[in-house]
Amino acid sequence: MGHVTPVIADHLSRARLFRLIDQRLSLDPGTRLDEAFAAIRASLFAAGLIGPERHELMPVRLEPYGAQLATIDRSALRALGLWATKIHVNGLVEAEGTLRPRVWLSRRSASSNAAPLAYDTMIAGGQPAGASLVETLAKESEEEVGLPRRLSATARKVKDIVVRYESELGLHREVLAIYDLSVPATFQPDHRDGEIVESALLDWPRFQAAVDGSLPMKFSSRVVSKDLLARLGQAAERDRLTSMPKAL
């Protein structure tokens, strides 16, 4: 259900939390998974291999859309290479005189565990155990940018993208649940939970330049933003061609 580095595999096998067999870590049949993962997290933290407890339980699954088999504190998720689902909300502001909107990006705090000071989509966050995607979206919207629920409820689900990538935290295996959300031109983000330090509203050319590398972006957010560029760029071109006068 996960992937670990040789260092973590060696620690977990020496601590007798797993059996190491042919480069695979195995739990004994009948193991109580919630208790096992709590002990694994505590052991990794005591060894200095992960950070302190985040007090947010995440689901443990065998595959991206599989059933929840157990829960684990968020601090150990990446070190064990477990699957996660993350919501990403593209905050869009209609731009007068152009077919393409302005786009909100949010900058992560310097104390973020992953990609400090990099830019995210307007709203991004992991789906915790026991919460639906809609509930996660509403919660993250309020905490990160102060978006009222009457507005976050209008977000439109676009697609899922499955990604796998490495960082210094471990292996990220994520389902990115992507939403588009139109917000009023008068909206001003209110950062409430300390995870976001500032927001930037970019016109389409500046947004494209940011995605191309002019701004530091978290990997998953760059993937989502590239998808937005492709989708809305194609839609704008179709609208332009449709609106052209027809030849007689």
Protein backbone atom coordinates (compact mmCIF):
# COMPACT_ATOMS: atom_id res chain seq x y z
CA MET A 1 0.00 0.00 0.00
CA GLY A 2 3.01 2.31 0.15
CA HIS A 3 6.65 2.95 -0.79
CA VAL A 4 9.51 3.84 1.55
CA THR A 5 13.20 4.68 1.29
CA PRO A 6 15.83 2.09 2.25
CA VAL A 7 16.58 4.12 5.41
CA ILE A 8 12.97 3.97 6.60
CA ALA A 9 12.62 0.32 5.57
CA ASP A 10 15.70 -0.55 7.63
CA HIS A 11 14.40 1.36 10.66
CA LEU A 12 10.93 -0.21 10.54
CA SER A 13 12.29 -3.73 10.18
CA ARG A 14 14.84 -3.25 12.98
CA ALA A 15 12.09 -1.88 15.20
CA ARG A 16 10.09 -5.05 14.39
CA LEU A 17 7.15 -3.00 13.17
CA PHE A 18 7.28 -4.77 9.80
CA ARG A 19 8.91 -7.89 8.48
CA LEU A 20 11.30 -7.18 5.60
CA ILE A 21 10.98 -9.91 2.95
CA ASP A 22 12.53 -9.56 -0.52
CA GLN A 23 12.52 -5.76 -0.43
CA ARG A 24 8.92 -5.71 0.78
CA LEU A 25 7.69 -4.65 4.20
CA SER A 26 4.89 -6.90 5.44
CA LEU A 27 2.57 -6.80 8.42
CA ASP A 28 1.51 -10.00 10.12
CA PRO A 29 -1.99 -11.28 9.28
CA GLY A 30 -4.56 -10.09 11.77
CA THR A 31 -2.63 -6.90 12.63
CA ARG A 32 -4.85 -4.10 13.92
CA LEU A 33 -3.97 -1.52 11.31
CA ASP A 34 -4.90 1.67 13.16
CA GLU A 35 -2.78 0.61 16.15
CA ALA A 36 0.07 -0.49 13.89
CA PHE A 37 0.19 2.80 11.99
CA ALA A 38 0.07 4.80 15.22
CA ALA A 39 3.10 2.84 16.47
CA ILE A 40 4.88 3.26 13.12
CA ARG A 41 4.37 7.03 13.18
CA ALA A 42 5.59 7.30 16.76
CA SER A 43 8.69 5.24 15.98
CA LEU A 44 9.56 7.29 12.89
CA PHE A 45 9.21 10.52 14.85
CA ALA A 46 11.32 9.22 17.75
CA ALA A 47 14.05 8.32 15.24
CA GLY A 48 13.95 11.82 13.71
CA LEU A 49 12.73 10.52 10.36
CA ILE A 50 9.51 12.57 10.28
CA GLY A 51 8.18 15.71 11.94
CA PRO A 52 5.83 15.99 14.92
CA GLU A 53 2.22 14.86 14.89
CA ARG A 54 -0.09 17.03 12.76
CA HIS A 55 -3.27 15.94 14.58
CA GLU A 56 -5.05 15.27 11.29
CA LEU A 57 -5.90 11.69 10.40
CA MET A 58 -5.63 10.68 6.75
CA PRO A 59 -7.11 7.54 5.16
CA VAL A 60 -4.89 4.58 4.32
CA ARG A 61 -5.83 2.91 1.03
CA LEU A 62 -4.40 0.20 -1.19
CA GLU A 63 -5.11 2.20 -4.33
CA PRO A 64 -6.19 5.73 -5.30
CA TYR A 65 -9.96 5.19 -5.04
CA GLY A 66 -9.91 2.17 -2.76
CA ALA A 67 -11.73 1.68 0.51
CA GLN A 68 -10.27 3.16 3.68
CA LEU A 69 -8.46 0.39 5.54
CA ALA A 70 -7.05 2.45 8.40
CA THR A 71 -6.00 5.99 9.33
CA ILE A 72 -2.64 7.59 10.00
CA ASP A 73 -1.52 11.01 11.16
CA ARG A 74 -0.67 13.28 8.26
CA SER A 75 2.94 13.64 9.44
CA ALA A 76 3.77 10.09 8.30
CA LEU A 77 1.84 10.02 5.03
CA ARG A 78 4.69 10.93 2.66
CA ALA A 79 7.40 8.99 4.46
CA LEU A 80 5.34 5.84 3.89
CA GLY A 81 4.37 6.75 0.31
CA LEU A 82 0.65 6.32 0.99
CA TRP A 83 -2.10 7.48 -1.35
CA ALA A 84 -3.78 10.82 -0.65
CA THR A 85 -6.58 12.83 -2.24
CA LYS A 86 -6.10 16.60 -2.51
CA ILE A 87 -8.57 19.23 -3.58
CA HIS A 88 -7.34 22.09 -5.79
CA VAL A 89 -9.55 25.09 -6.52
CA ASN A 90 -8.78 27.45 -9.38
CA GLY A 91 -10.02 30.88 -8.29
CA LEU A 92 -11.13 32.73 -11.44
CA VAL A 93 -12.13 36.38 -11.86
CA GLU A 94 -13.81 37.43 -15.09
CA ALA A 95 -11.64 39.94 -16.95
CA GLU A 96 -13.47 42.59 -18.94
CA GLY A 97 -12.60 42.71 -22.62
CA THR A 98 -10.90 39.31 -22.74
CA LEU A 99 -12.04 35.71 -23.06
CA ARG A 100 -9.56 34.56 -20.42
CA PRO A 101 -9.99 35.23 -16.68
CA ARG A 102 -7.61 36.50 -14.05
CA VAL A 103 -6.41 33.77 -11.69
CA TRP A 104 -5.77 33.79 -7.95
CA LEU A 105 -2.67 32.03 -6.58
CA SER A 106 -1.87 31.57 -2.88
CA ARG A 107 1.65 31.64 -1.44
CA ARG A 108 2.54 29.04 1.18
CA SER A 109 4.11 30.11 4.46
CA ALA A 110 7.84 29.79 5.18
CA SER A 111 7.01 27.17 7.84
CA SER A 112 5.16 24.83 5.44
CA ASN A 113 6.33 21.23 5.61
CA ALA A 114 6.36 20.99 1.82
CA ALA A 115 7.43 23.65 -0.70
CA PRO A 116 7.72 26.62 1.70
CA LEU A 117 7.06 30.03 0.07
CA ALA A 118 6.00 28.35 -3.17
CA TYR A 119 2.68 29.21 -4.79
CA ASP A 120 -0.40 26.99 -4.75
CA THR A 121 -3.69 27.19 -6.54
CA MET A 122 -6.05 29.55 -4.69
CA ILE A 123 -7.17 26.73 -2.40
CA ALA A 124 -5.41 23.40 -1.89
CA GLY A 125 -5.66 20.82 0.85
CA GLY A 126 -5.72 17.13 1.68
CA GLN A 127 -8.94 15.19 2.21
CA PRO A 128 -8.85 13.89 5.79
CA ALA A 129 -10.40 10.65 6.99
CA GLY A 130 -14.16 10.87 7.41
CA ALA A 131 -14.63 14.00 5.28
CA SER A 132 -16.16 14.26 1.81
CA LEU A 133 -14.56 16.28 -0.97
CA VAL A 134 -17.27 18.93 -0.62
CA GLU A 135 -16.67 19.20 3.12
CA THR A 136 -12.91 19.42 2.57
CA LEU A 137 -13.35 22.12 -0.05
CA ALA A 138 -15.59 24.21 2.22
CA LYS A 139 -13.24 23.87 5.20
CA GLU A 140 -10.08 24.71 3.25
CA SER A 141 -11.82 27.62 1.52
CA GLU A 142 -12.73 29.21 4.84
CA GLU A 143 -9.37 28.59 6.49
CA GLU A 144 -7.02 29.51 3.66
CA VAL A 145 -8.73 32.48 1.98
CA GLY A 146 -11.82 33.27 4.09
CA LEU A 147 -14.22 32.24 1.33
CA PRO A 148 -17.83 31.96 2.62
CA ARG A 149 -19.54 28.64 2.11
CA ARG A 150 -22.23 30.14 -0.11
CA LEU A 151 -19.43 30.88 -2.61
CA SER A 152 -17.37 27.70 -2.19
CA ALA A 153 -20.57 25.71 -2.80
CA THR A 154 -20.60 27.06 -6.38
CA ALA A 155 -17.25 25.44 -7.24
CA ARG A 156 -17.51 23.15 -10.26
CA LYS A 157 -15.72 19.80 -10.28
CA VAL A 158 -13.67 19.51 -13.46
CA LYS A 159 -11.64 16.32 -13.30
CA ASP A 160 -9.19 14.19 -11.33
CA ILE A 161 -5.51 13.92 -12.17
CA VAL A 162 -3.38 11.17 -10.62
CA VAL A 163 0.24 12.14 -9.92
CA ARG A 164 3.32 10.56 -8.39
CA TYR A 165 6.41 12.57 -7.48
CA GLU A 166 9.21 12.67 -4.96
CA SER A 167 10.12 15.39 -2.48
CA GLU A 168 12.35 15.52 0.55
CA LEU A 169 9.34 14.30 2.56
CA GLY A 170 9.09 11.06 0.57
CA LEU A 171 6.93 9.77 -2.26
CA HIS A 172 3.76 11.72 -3.04
CA ARG A 173 1.02 9.61 -4.61
CA GLU A 174 -2.01 11.82 -5.04
CA VAL A 175 -5.39 12.10 -6.67
CA LEU A 176 -5.80 15.80 -7.48
CA ALA A 177 -9.52 16.65 -7.41
CA ILE A 178 -9.72 19.82 -9.51
CA TYR A 179 -12.43 22.48 -9.22
CA ASP A 180 -13.02 25.79 -11.02
CA LEU A 181 -14.61 28.59 -9.00
CA SER A 182 -15.65 32.03 -10.23
CA VAL A 183 -15.21 34.68 -7.53
CA PRO A 184 -16.31 38.33 -7.64
CA ALA A 185 -13.83 41.02 -8.64
CA THR A 186 -14.37 42.54 -5.17
CA PHE A 187 -13.21 39.38 -3.35
CA GLN A 188 -10.10 39.79 -1.19
CA PRO A 189 -8.53 36.68 0.42
CA ASP A 190 -8.43 36.54 4.22
CA HIS A 191 -5.72 34.12 5.36
CA ARG A 192 -6.89 32.57 8.62
CA ASP A 193 -4.94 29.40 9.36
CA GLY A 194 -1.33 30.53 8.86
CA GLU A 195 -0.70 28.15 5.96
CA ILE A 196 -1.03 30.94 3.37
CA VAL A 197 0.83 34.25 3.76
CA GLU A 198 -0.29 36.15 0.67
CA SER A 199 -2.32 35.86 -2.50
CA ALA A 200 -1.76 37.21 -6.00
CA LEU A 201 -4.37 37.93 -8.68
CA LEU A 202 -2.68 37.47 -12.06
CA ASP A 203 -3.94 38.38 -15.49
CA TRP A 204 -3.71 35.59 -18.07
CA PRO A 205 -0.25 36.44 -19.50
CA ARG A 206 1.27 36.77 -15.99
CA PHE A 207 -0.43 33.53 -14.92
CA GLN A 208 0.99 31.75 -17.95
CA ALA A 209 4.46 33.13 -17.17
CA ALA A 210 4.11 31.99 -13.54
CA VAL A 211 3.24 28.45 -14.62
CA ASP A 212 6.13 28.49 -17.08
CA GLY A 213 8.54 29.23 -14.24
CA SER A 214 8.51 32.93 -13.32
CA LEU A 215 7.14 32.04 -9.86
CA PRO A 216 8.02 29.08 -7.61
CA MET A 217 5.07 26.69 -7.51
CA LYS A 218 4.40 23.45 -5.69
CA PHE A 219 4.60 20.55 -8.13
CA SER A 220 0.95 19.48 -7.87
CA SER A 221 -0.27 23.07 -8.19
CA ARG A 222 1.81 23.54 -11.34
CA VAL A 223 0.19 20.40 -12.78
CA VAL A 224 -3.29 21.78 -12.00
CA SER A 225 -2.40 25.21 -13.40
CA LYS A 226 -1.04 23.72 -16.63
CA ASP A 227 -4.32 21.88 -17.01
CA LEU A 228 -6.21 25.17 -16.52
CA LEU A 229 -4.06 26.87 -19.16
CA ALA A 230 -4.80 24.10 -21.64
CA ARG A 231 -8.54 23.92 -20.92
CA LEU A 232 -9.35 27.63 -20.89
CA GLY A 233 -6.92 28.42 -23.69
CA GLN A 234 -8.68 25.93 -25.94
CA ALA A 235 -12.13 27.17 -24.85
CA ALA A 236 -11.19 30.79 -25.57
CA GLU A 237 -9.93 29.88 -29.02
CA ARG A 238 -13.18 28.01 -29.79
CA ASP A 239 -15.20 31.01 -28.63
CA ARG A 240 -13.09 33.35 -30.77
CA LEU A 241 -13.58 31.25 -33.88
CA THR A 242 -17.30 30.85 -33.20
CA SER A 243 -17.77 34.62 -32.87
CA MET A 244 -15.95 35.46 -36.12
CA PRO A 245 -18.23 36.73 -38.91
CA LYS A 246 -19.12 34.00 -41.37
CA ALA A 247 -17.98 34.51 -44.96
CA LEU A 248 -20.81 35.14 -47.42
